[in-house]
Amino acid sequence: MAAARCGKPQLALEYLLHPSPNFQFDEHGLATGGPFPYLPSNGALLTAIAMMVEGWDGSAGKFPGFPQDGSWVINAEDFNRMP
């Protein structure tokens, strides 16, 4: 989230989507590695993506946390701007 706020959306995505044995998701988007269907990493990933989609106080433009080079196609609705 800090990388996105600092104007480095590609770096933010690399951090969020970097393959790691301790931060893996199954085909349903749920974190693996525990007996429970919901782990804190699920909420962290969803919060970061929501912020990158809608923006934060002081951000400008549509989907400000994502690269604006056409490499991402984003469809989103009903997100709130983060403080």
PDB file of N, CA and C in Angstrom:
ATOM      1  N   MET A   1       0.832  -1.176   0.000  1.00  0.00           N
ATOM      2  CA  MET A   1       0.000   0.000   0.000  1.00  0.00           C
ATOM      3  C   MET A   1       0.877   1.241   0.000  1.00  0.00           C
ATOM      4  N   ALA A   2       2.004   1.176   0.679  1.00  0.00           N
ATOM      5  CA  ALA A   2       2.914   2.321   0.701  1.00  0.00           C
ATOM      6  C   ALA A   2       3.498   2.571  -0.686  1.00  0.00           C
ATOM      7  N   ALA A   3       3.843   1.514  -1.401  1.00  0.00           N
ATOM      8  CA  ALA A   3       4.405   1.679  -2.749  1.00  0.00           C
ATOM      9  C   ALA A   3       3.385   2.340  -3.669  1.00  0.00           C
ATOM     10  N   ALA A   4       2.123   1.934  -3.586  1.00  0.00           N
ATOM     11  CA  ALA A   4       1.084   2.542  -4.418  1.00  0.00           C
ATOM     12  C   ALA A   4       0.935   4.022  -4.076  1.00  0.00           C
ATOM     13  N   ARG A   5       0.905   4.348  -2.802  1.00  0.00           N
ATOM     14  CA  ARG A   5       0.766   5.751  -2.386  1.00  0.00           C
ATOM     15  C   ARG A   5       1.974   6.595  -2.785  1.00  0.00           C
ATOM     16  N   CYS A   6       3.109   5.970  -2.943  1.00  0.00           N
ATOM     17  CA  CYS A   6       4.330   6.698  -3.336  1.00  0.00           C
ATOM     18  C   CYS A   6       4.495   6.770  -4.853  1.00  0.00           C
ATOM     19  N   GLY A   7       3.454   6.372  -5.598  1.00  0.00           N
ATOM     20  CA  GLY A   7       3.504   6.485  -7.048  1.00  0.00           C
ATOM     21  C   GLY A   7       4.253   5.361  -7.734  1.00  0.00           C
ATOM     22  N   LYS A   8       4.373   4.211  -7.081  1.00  0.00           N
ATOM     23  CA  LYS A   8       5.063   3.058  -7.651  1.00  0.00           C
ATOM     24  C   LYS A   8       4.097   1.869  -7.726  1.00  0.00           C
ATOM     25  N   PRO A   9       3.067   1.973  -8.590  1.00  0.00           N
ATOM     26  CA  PRO A   9       2.053   0.913  -8.630  1.00  0.00           C
ATOM     27  C   PRO A   9       2.600  -0.442  -9.075  1.00  0.00           C
ATOM     28  N   GLN A  10       3.556  -0.455  -9.983  1.00  0.00           N
ATOM     29  CA  GLN A  10       4.105  -1.741 -10.427  1.00  0.00           C
ATOM     30  C   GLN A  10       4.808  -2.446  -9.269  1.00  0.00           C
ATOM     31  N   LEU A  11       5.539  -1.687  -8.467  1.00  0.00           N
ATOM     32  CA  LEU A  11       6.210  -2.248  -7.304  1.00  0.00           C
ATOM     33  C   LEU A  11       5.185  -2.761  -6.289  1.00  0.00           C
ATOM     34  N   ALA A  12       4.091  -2.020  -6.110  1.00  0.00           N
ATOM     35  CA  ALA A  12       3.032  -2.459  -5.193  1.00  0.00           C
ATOM     36  C   ALA A  12       2.481  -3.813  -5.626  1.00  0.00           C
ATOM     37  N   LEU A  13       2.233  -3.965  -6.910  1.00  0.00           N
ATOM     38  CA  LEU A  13       1.708  -5.235  -7.412  1.00  0.00           C
ATOM     39  C   LEU A  13       2.718  -6.358  -7.276  1.00  0.00           C
ATOM     40  N   GLU A  14       3.980  -6.059  -7.504  1.00  0.00           N
ATOM     41  CA  GLU A  14       5.017  -7.085  -7.333  1.00  0.00           C
ATOM     42  C   GLU A  14       5.066  -7.557  -5.888  1.00  0.00           C
ATOM     43  N   TYR A  15       4.959  -6.625  -4.943  1.00  0.00           N
ATOM     44  CA  TYR A  15       4.950  -7.005  -3.526  1.00  0.00           C
ATOM     45  C   TYR A  15       3.717  -7.846  -3.199  1.00  0.00           C
ATOM     46  N   LEU A  16       2.552  -7.425  -3.687  1.00  0.00           N
ATOM     47  CA  LEU A  16       1.312  -8.125  -3.359  1.00  0.00           C
ATOM     48  C   LEU A  16       1.216  -9.507  -3.990  1.00  0.00           C
ATOM     49  N   LEU A  17       1.738  -9.646  -5.194  1.00  0.00           N
ATOM     50  CA  LEU A  17       1.547 -10.890  -5.933  1.00  0.00           C
ATOM     51  C   LEU A  17       2.802 -11.748  -6.012  1.00  0.00           C
ATOM     52  N   HIS A  18       3.825 -11.390  -5.255  1.00  0.00           N
ATOM     53  CA  HIS A  18       5.078 -12.151  -5.245  1.00  0.00           C
ATOM     54  C   HIS A  18       4.833 -13.550  -4.697  1.00  0.00           C
ATOM     55  N   PRO A  19       5.242 -14.583  -5.443  1.00  0.00           N
ATOM     56  CA  PRO A  19       5.046 -15.941  -4.936  1.00  0.00           C
ATOM     57  C   PRO A  19       5.907 -16.206  -3.699  1.00  0.00           C
ATOM     58  N   SER A  20       5.284 -16.676  -2.664  1.00  0.00           N
ATOM     59  CA  SER A  20       5.971 -16.965  -1.414  1.00  0.00           C
ATOM     60  C   SER A  20       5.284 -18.163  -0.771  1.00  0.00           C
ATOM     61  N   PRO A  21       6.042 -19.064  -0.165  1.00  0.00           N
ATOM     62  CA  PRO A  21       5.400 -20.221   0.469  1.00  0.00           C
ATOM     63  C   PRO A  21       4.473 -19.834   1.617  1.00  0.00           C
ATOM     64  N   ASN A  22       4.664 -18.655   2.195  1.00  0.00           N
ATOM     65  CA  ASN A  22       3.831 -18.227   3.322  1.00  0.00           C
ATOM     66  C   ASN A  22       2.687 -17.311   2.910  1.00  0.00           C
ATOM     67  N   PHE A  23       2.543 -17.065   1.615  1.00  0.00           N
ATOM     68  CA  PHE A  23       1.499 -16.153   1.147  1.00  0.00           C
ATOM     69  C   PHE A  23       0.962 -16.686  -0.174  1.00  0.00           C
ATOM     70  N   GLN A  24       0.234 -17.810  -0.106  1.00  0.00           N
ATOM     71  CA  GLN A  24      -0.321 -18.466  -1.276  1.00  0.00           C
ATOM     72  C   GLN A  24      -1.846 -18.470  -1.180  1.00  0.00           C
ATOM     73  N   PHE A  25      -2.479 -18.470  -2.342  1.00  0.00           N
ATOM     74  CA  PHE A  25      -3.934 -18.468  -2.401  1.00  0.00           C
ATOM     75  C   PHE A  25      -4.400 -19.604  -3.306  1.00  0.00           C
ATOM     76  N   ASP A  26      -5.538 -20.188  -2.972  1.00  0.00           N
ATOM     77  CA  ASP A  26      -6.073 -21.276  -3.795  1.00  0.00           C
ATOM     78  C   ASP A  26      -6.908 -20.710  -4.943  1.00  0.00           C
ATOM     79  N   GLU A  27      -7.545 -21.596  -5.693  1.00  0.00           N
ATOM     80  CA  GLU A  27      -8.298 -21.179  -6.873  1.00  0.00           C
ATOM     81  C   GLU A  27      -9.518 -20.324  -6.534  1.00  0.00           C
ATOM     82  N   HIS A  28      -9.920 -20.292  -5.268  1.00  0.00           N
ATOM     83  CA  HIS A  28     -11.047 -19.476  -4.831  1.00  0.00           C
ATOM     84  C   HIS A  28     -10.602 -18.132  -4.261  1.00  0.00           C
ATOM     85  N   GLY A  29      -9.290 -17.906  -4.204  1.00  0.00           N
ATOM     86  CA  GLY A  29      -8.766 -16.662  -3.662  1.00  0.00           C
ATOM     87  C   GLY A  29      -8.587 -16.674  -2.157  1.00  0.00           C
ATOM     88  N   LEU A  30      -8.700 -17.849  -1.537  1.00  0.00           N
ATOM     89  CA  LEU A  30      -8.519 -17.951  -0.089  1.00  0.00           C
ATOM     90  C   LEU A  30      -7.077 -18.327   0.229  1.00  0.00           C
ATOM     91  N   ALA A  31      -6.551 -17.748   1.290  1.00  0.00           N
ATOM     92  CA  ALA A  31      -5.186 -18.065   1.711  1.00  0.00           C
ATOM     93  C   ALA A  31      -5.106 -19.527   2.132  1.00  0.00           C
ATOM     94  N   THR A  32      -4.011 -20.155   1.794  1.00  0.00           N
ATOM     95  CA  THR A  32      -3.791 -21.547   2.183  1.00  0.00           C
ATOM     96  C   THR A  32      -2.872 -21.571   3.396  1.00  0.00           C
ATOM     97  N   GLY A  33      -2.691 -22.729   3.959  1.00  0.00           N
ATOM     98  CA  GLY A  33      -1.769 -22.867   5.073  1.00  0.00           C
ATOM     99  C   GLY A  33      -2.424 -22.956   6.425  1.00  0.00           C
ATOM    100  N   GLY A  34      -3.722 -22.985   6.477  1.00  0.00           N
ATOM    101  CA  GLY A  34      -4.384 -23.088   7.765  1.00  0.00           C
ATOM    102  C   GLY A  34      -5.661 -23.894   7.660  1.00  0.00           C
ATOM    103  N   PRO A  35      -6.180 -24.335   8.771  1.00  0.00           N
ATOM    104  CA  PRO A  35      -7.404 -25.129   8.742  1.00  0.00           C
ATOM    105  C   PRO A  35      -8.666 -24.279   8.576  1.00  0.00           C
ATOM    106  N   PHE A  36      -8.525 -22.967   8.649  1.00  0.00           N
ATOM    107  CA  PHE A  36      -9.685 -22.086   8.599  1.00  0.00           C
ATOM    108  C   PHE A  36      -9.821 -21.460   7.219  1.00  0.00           C
ATOM    109  N   PRO A  37     -11.029 -21.176   6.776  1.00  0.00           N
ATOM    110  CA  PRO A  37     -11.223 -20.623   5.427  1.00  0.00           C
ATOM    111  C   PRO A  37     -10.827 -19.162   5.304  1.00  0.00           C
ATOM    112  N   TYR A  38     -10.582 -18.481   6.406  1.00  0.00           N
ATOM    113  CA  TYR A  38     -10.243 -17.065   6.338  1.00  0.00           C
ATOM    114  C   TYR A  38      -9.038 -16.791   7.227  1.00  0.00           C
ATOM    115  N   LEU A  39      -8.006 -16.247   6.642  1.00  0.00           N
ATOM    116  CA  LEU A  39      -6.805 -15.870   7.373  1.00  0.00           C
ATOM    117  C   LEU A  39      -6.591 -14.370   7.228  1.00  0.00           C
ATOM    118  N   PRO A  40      -5.846 -13.731   8.120  1.00  0.00           N
ATOM    119  CA  PRO A  40      -5.618 -12.289   8.007  1.00  0.00           C
ATOM    120  C   PRO A  40      -5.057 -11.867   6.651  1.00  0.00           C
ATOM    121  N   SER A  41      -4.298 -12.728   5.997  1.00  0.00           N
ATOM    122  CA  SER A  41      -3.730 -12.350   4.704  1.00  0.00           C
ATOM    123  C   SER A  41      -4.816 -12.124   3.657  1.00  0.00           C
ATOM    124  N   ASN A  42      -5.950 -12.800   3.768  1.00  0.00           N
ATOM    125  CA  ASN A  42      -7.060 -12.554   2.847  1.00  0.00           C
ATOM    126  C   ASN A  42      -7.515 -11.097   2.965  1.00  0.00           C
ATOM    127  N   GLY A  43      -7.745 -10.655   4.175  1.00  0.00           N
ATOM    128  CA  GLY A  43      -8.201  -9.286   4.404  1.00  0.00           C
ATOM    129  C   GLY A  43      -7.164  -8.261   3.989  1.00  0.00           C
ATOM    130  N   ALA A  44      -5.902  -8.561   4.227  1.00  0.00           N
ATOM    131  CA  ALA A  44      -4.836  -7.630   3.853  1.00  0.00           C
ATOM    132  C   ALA A  44      -4.765  -7.460   2.343  1.00  0.00           C
ATOM    133  N   LEU A  45      -4.839  -8.554   1.612  1.00  0.00           N
ATOM    134  CA  LEU A  45      -4.801  -8.481   0.153  1.00  0.00           C
ATOM    135  C   LEU A  45      -6.019  -7.730  -0.379  1.00  0.00           C
ATOM    136  N   LEU A  46      -7.201  -8.046   0.129  1.00  0.00           N
ATOM    137  CA  LEU A  46      -8.410  -7.378  -0.334  1.00  0.00           C
ATOM    138  C   LEU A  46      -8.398  -5.889  -0.014  1.00  0.00           C
ATOM    139  N   THR A  47      -7.915  -5.515   1.156  1.00  0.00           N
ATOM    140  CA  THR A  47      -7.827  -4.103   1.528  1.00  0.00           C
ATOM    141  C   THR A  47      -6.862  -3.357   0.618  1.00  0.00           C
ATOM    142  N   ALA A  48      -5.720  -3.945   0.356  1.00  0.00           N
ATOM    143  CA  ALA A  48      -4.732  -3.298  -0.510  1.00  0.00           C
ATOM    144  C   ALA A  48      -5.287  -3.117  -1.925  1.00  0.00           C
ATOM    145  N   ILE A  49      -5.923  -4.136  -2.470  1.00  0.00           N
ATOM    146  CA  ILE A  49      -6.477  -4.031  -3.821  1.00  0.00           C
ATOM    147  C   ILE A  49      -7.600  -2.997  -3.853  1.00  0.00           C
ATOM    148  N   ALA A  50      -8.466  -2.980  -2.844  1.00  0.00           N
ATOM    149  CA  ALA A  50      -9.543  -1.981  -2.799  1.00  0.00           C
ATOM    150  C   ALA A  50      -8.974  -0.569  -2.773  1.00  0.00           C
ATOM    151  N   MET A  51      -7.914  -0.352  -2.003  1.00  0.00           N
ATOM    152  CA  MET A  51      -7.293   0.963  -1.956  1.00  0.00           C
ATOM    153  C   MET A  51      -6.702   1.332  -3.314  1.00  0.00           C
ATOM    154  N   MET A  52      -6.078   0.369  -3.964  1.00  0.00           N
ATOM    155  CA  MET A  52      -5.457   0.629  -5.259  1.00  0.00           C
ATOM    156  C   MET A  52      -6.516   0.905  -6.336  1.00  0.00           C
ATOM    157  N   VAL A  53      -7.698   0.324  -6.183  1.00  0.00           N
ATOM    158  CA  VAL A  53      -8.786   0.542  -7.141  1.00  0.00           C
ATOM    159  C   VAL A  53      -9.397   1.928  -6.957  1.00  0.00           C
ATOM    160  N   GLU A  54      -9.822   2.238  -5.739  1.00  0.00           N
ATOM    161  CA  GLU A  54     -10.571   3.477  -5.506  1.00  0.00           C
ATOM    162  C   GLU A  54      -9.684   4.666  -5.160  1.00  0.00           C
ATOM    163  N   GLY A  55      -8.541   4.396  -4.594  1.00  0.00           N
ATOM    164  CA  GLY A  55      -7.643   5.489  -4.235  1.00  0.00           C
ATOM    165  C   GLY A  55      -7.684   5.821  -2.763  1.00  0.00           C
ATOM    166  N   TRP A  56      -7.036   6.898  -2.414  1.00  0.00           N
ATOM    167  CA  TRP A  56      -6.873   7.348  -1.036  1.00  0.00           C
ATOM    168  C   TRP A  56      -6.927   8.859  -1.044  1.00  0.00           C
ATOM    169  N   ASP A  57      -7.055   9.456   0.121  1.00  0.00           N
ATOM    170  CA  ASP A  57      -7.087  10.911   0.199  1.00  0.00           C
ATOM    171  C   ASP A  57      -5.859  11.484  -0.486  1.00  0.00           C
ATOM    172  N   GLY A  58      -6.093  12.339  -1.458  1.00  0.00           N
ATOM    173  CA  GLY A  58      -4.995  12.961  -2.179  1.00  0.00           C
ATOM    174  C   GLY A  58      -4.644  12.282  -3.496  1.00  0.00           C
ATOM    175  N   SER A  59      -5.206  11.106  -3.769  1.00  0.00           N
ATOM    176  CA  SER A  59      -4.917  10.441  -5.045  1.00  0.00           C
ATOM    177  C   SER A  59      -5.802  11.033  -6.132  1.00  0.00           C
ATOM    178  N   ALA A  60      -5.386  10.855  -7.368  1.00  0.00           N
ATOM    179  CA  ALA A  60      -6.140  11.402  -8.493  1.00  0.00           C
ATOM    180  C   ALA A  60      -6.258  10.361  -9.595  1.00  0.00           C
ATOM    181  N   GLY A  61      -7.294  10.484 -10.387  1.00  0.00           N
ATOM    182  CA  GLY A  61      -7.474   9.607 -11.532  1.00  0.00           C
ATOM    183  C   GLY A  61      -8.208   8.332 -11.180  1.00  0.00           C
ATOM    184  N   LYS A  62      -8.475   7.568 -12.227  1.00  0.00           N
ATOM    185  CA  LYS A  62      -9.193   6.311 -12.076  1.00  0.00           C
ATOM    186  C   LYS A  62      -8.208   5.191 -11.793  1.00  0.00           C
ATOM    187  N   PHE A  63      -8.491   4.378 -10.796  1.00  0.00           N
ATOM    188  CA  PHE A  63      -7.647   3.251 -10.381  1.00  0.00           C
ATOM    189  C   PHE A  63      -6.202   3.706 -10.141  1.00  0.00           C
ATOM    190  N   PRO A  64      -5.998   4.633  -9.217  1.00  0.00           N
ATOM    191  CA  PRO A  64      -4.685   5.258  -9.046  1.00  0.00           C
ATOM    192  C   PRO A  64      -3.573   4.340  -8.563  1.00  0.00           C
ATOM    193  N   GLY A  65      -3.913   3.193  -7.993  1.00  0.00           N
ATOM    194  CA  GLY A  65      -2.878   2.301  -7.498  1.00  0.00           C
ATOM    195  C   GLY A  65      -2.368   1.308  -8.519  1.00  0.00           C
ATOM    196  N   PHE A  66      -2.897   1.362  -9.739  1.00  0.00           N
ATOM    197  CA  PHE A  66      -2.491   0.434 -10.790  1.00  0.00           C
ATOM    198  C   PHE A  66      -1.712   1.161 -11.875  1.00  0.00           C
ATOM    199  N   PRO A  67      -0.808   0.455 -12.552  1.00  0.00           N
ATOM    200  CA  PRO A  67      -0.087   1.078 -13.662  1.00  0.00           C
ATOM    201  C   PRO A  67      -1.072   1.623 -14.697  1.00  0.00           C
ATOM    202  N   GLN A  68      -0.770   2.773 -15.241  1.00  0.00           N
ATOM    203  CA  GLN A  68      -1.642   3.419 -16.213  1.00  0.00           C
ATOM    204  C   GLN A  68      -1.168   3.184 -17.644  1.00  0.00           C
ATOM    205  N   ASP A  69      -0.416   2.121 -17.858  1.00  0.00           N
ATOM    206  CA  ASP A  69       0.165   1.844 -19.177  1.00  0.00           C
ATOM    207  C   ASP A  69      -0.667   0.882 -20.011  1.00  0.00           C
ATOM    208  N   GLY A  70      -1.881   0.556 -19.562  1.00  0.00           N
ATOM    209  CA  GLY A  70      -2.746  -0.345 -20.305  1.00  0.00           C
ATOM    210  C   GLY A  70      -2.502  -1.821 -20.029  1.00  0.00           C
ATOM    211  N   SER A  71      -1.587  -2.136 -19.105  1.00  0.00           N
ATOM    212  CA  SER A  71      -1.277  -3.535 -18.819  1.00  0.00           C
ATOM    213  C   SER A  71      -2.321  -4.203 -17.918  1.00  0.00           C
ATOM    214  N   TRP A  72      -3.206  -3.413 -17.328  1.00  0.00           N
ATOM    215  CA  TRP A  72      -4.255  -3.948 -16.468  1.00  0.00           C
ATOM    216  C   TRP A  72      -5.615  -3.492 -16.987  1.00  0.00           C
ATOM    217  N   VAL A  73      -6.571  -4.413 -17.029  1.00  0.00           N
ATOM    218  CA  VAL A  73      -7.954  -4.087 -17.354  1.00  0.00           C
ATOM    219  C   VAL A  73      -8.737  -4.281 -16.063  1.00  0.00           C
ATOM    220  N   ILE A  74      -9.332  -3.210 -15.572  1.00  0.00           N
ATOM    221  CA  ILE A  74      -9.976  -3.252 -14.253  1.00  0.00           C
ATOM    222  C   ILE A  74     -11.442  -2.873 -14.391  1.00  0.00           C
ATOM    223  N   ASN A  75     -12.297  -3.674 -13.788  1.00  0.00           N
ATOM    224  CA  ASN A  75     -13.716  -3.377 -13.660  1.00  0.00           C
ATOM    225  C   ASN A  75     -14.029  -3.412 -12.178  1.00  0.00           C
ATOM    226  N   ALA A  76     -14.574  -2.339 -11.665  1.00  0.00           N
ATOM    227  CA  ALA A  76     -14.857  -2.274 -10.232  1.00  0.00           C
ATOM    228  C   ALA A  76     -16.051  -1.368  -9.988  1.00  0.00           C
ATOM    229  N   GLU A  77     -16.738  -1.620  -8.889  1.00  0.00           N
ATOM    230  CA  GLU A  77     -17.842  -0.748  -8.503  1.00  0.00           C
ATOM    231  C   GLU A  77     -18.024  -0.791  -6.996  1.00  0.00           C
ATOM    232  N   ASP A  78     -18.496   0.306  -6.459  1.00  0.00           N
ATOM    233  CA  ASP A  78     -18.874   0.424  -5.052  1.00  0.00           C
ATOM    234  C   ASP A  78     -17.730   0.261  -4.068  1.00  0.00           C
ATOM    235  N   PHE A  79     -16.554   0.765  -4.406  1.00  0.00           N
ATOM    236  CA  PHE A  79     -15.452   0.820  -3.448  1.00  0.00           C
ATOM    237  C   PHE A  79     -15.427   2.194  -2.820  1.00  0.00           C
ATOM    238  N   ASN A  80     -14.868   2.314  -1.636  1.00  0.00           N
ATOM    239  CA  ASN A  80     -14.728   3.596  -0.966  1.00  0.00           C
ATOM    240  C   ASN A  80     -13.277   4.030  -0.938  1.00  0.00           C
ATOM    241  N   ARG A  81     -13.074   5.317  -1.059  1.00  0.00           N
ATOM    242  CA  ARG A  81     -11.730   5.881  -0.978  1.00  0.00           C
ATOM    243  C   ARG A  81     -11.188   5.672   0.436  1.00  0.00           C
ATOM    244  N   MET A  82      -9.910   5.336   0.531  1.00  0.00           N
ATOM    245  CA  MET A  82      -9.277   5.131   1.838  1.00  0.00           C
ATOM    246  C   MET A  82      -8.716   6.459   2.337  1.00  0.00           C
ATOM    247  N   PRO A  83      -8.647   6.625   3.648  1.00  0.00           N
ATOM    248  CA  PRO A  83      -8.050   7.866   4.190  1.00  0.00           C
ATOM    249  C   PRO A  83      -6.560   7.913   3.918  1.00  0.00           C
TER     250      PRO A  83
END
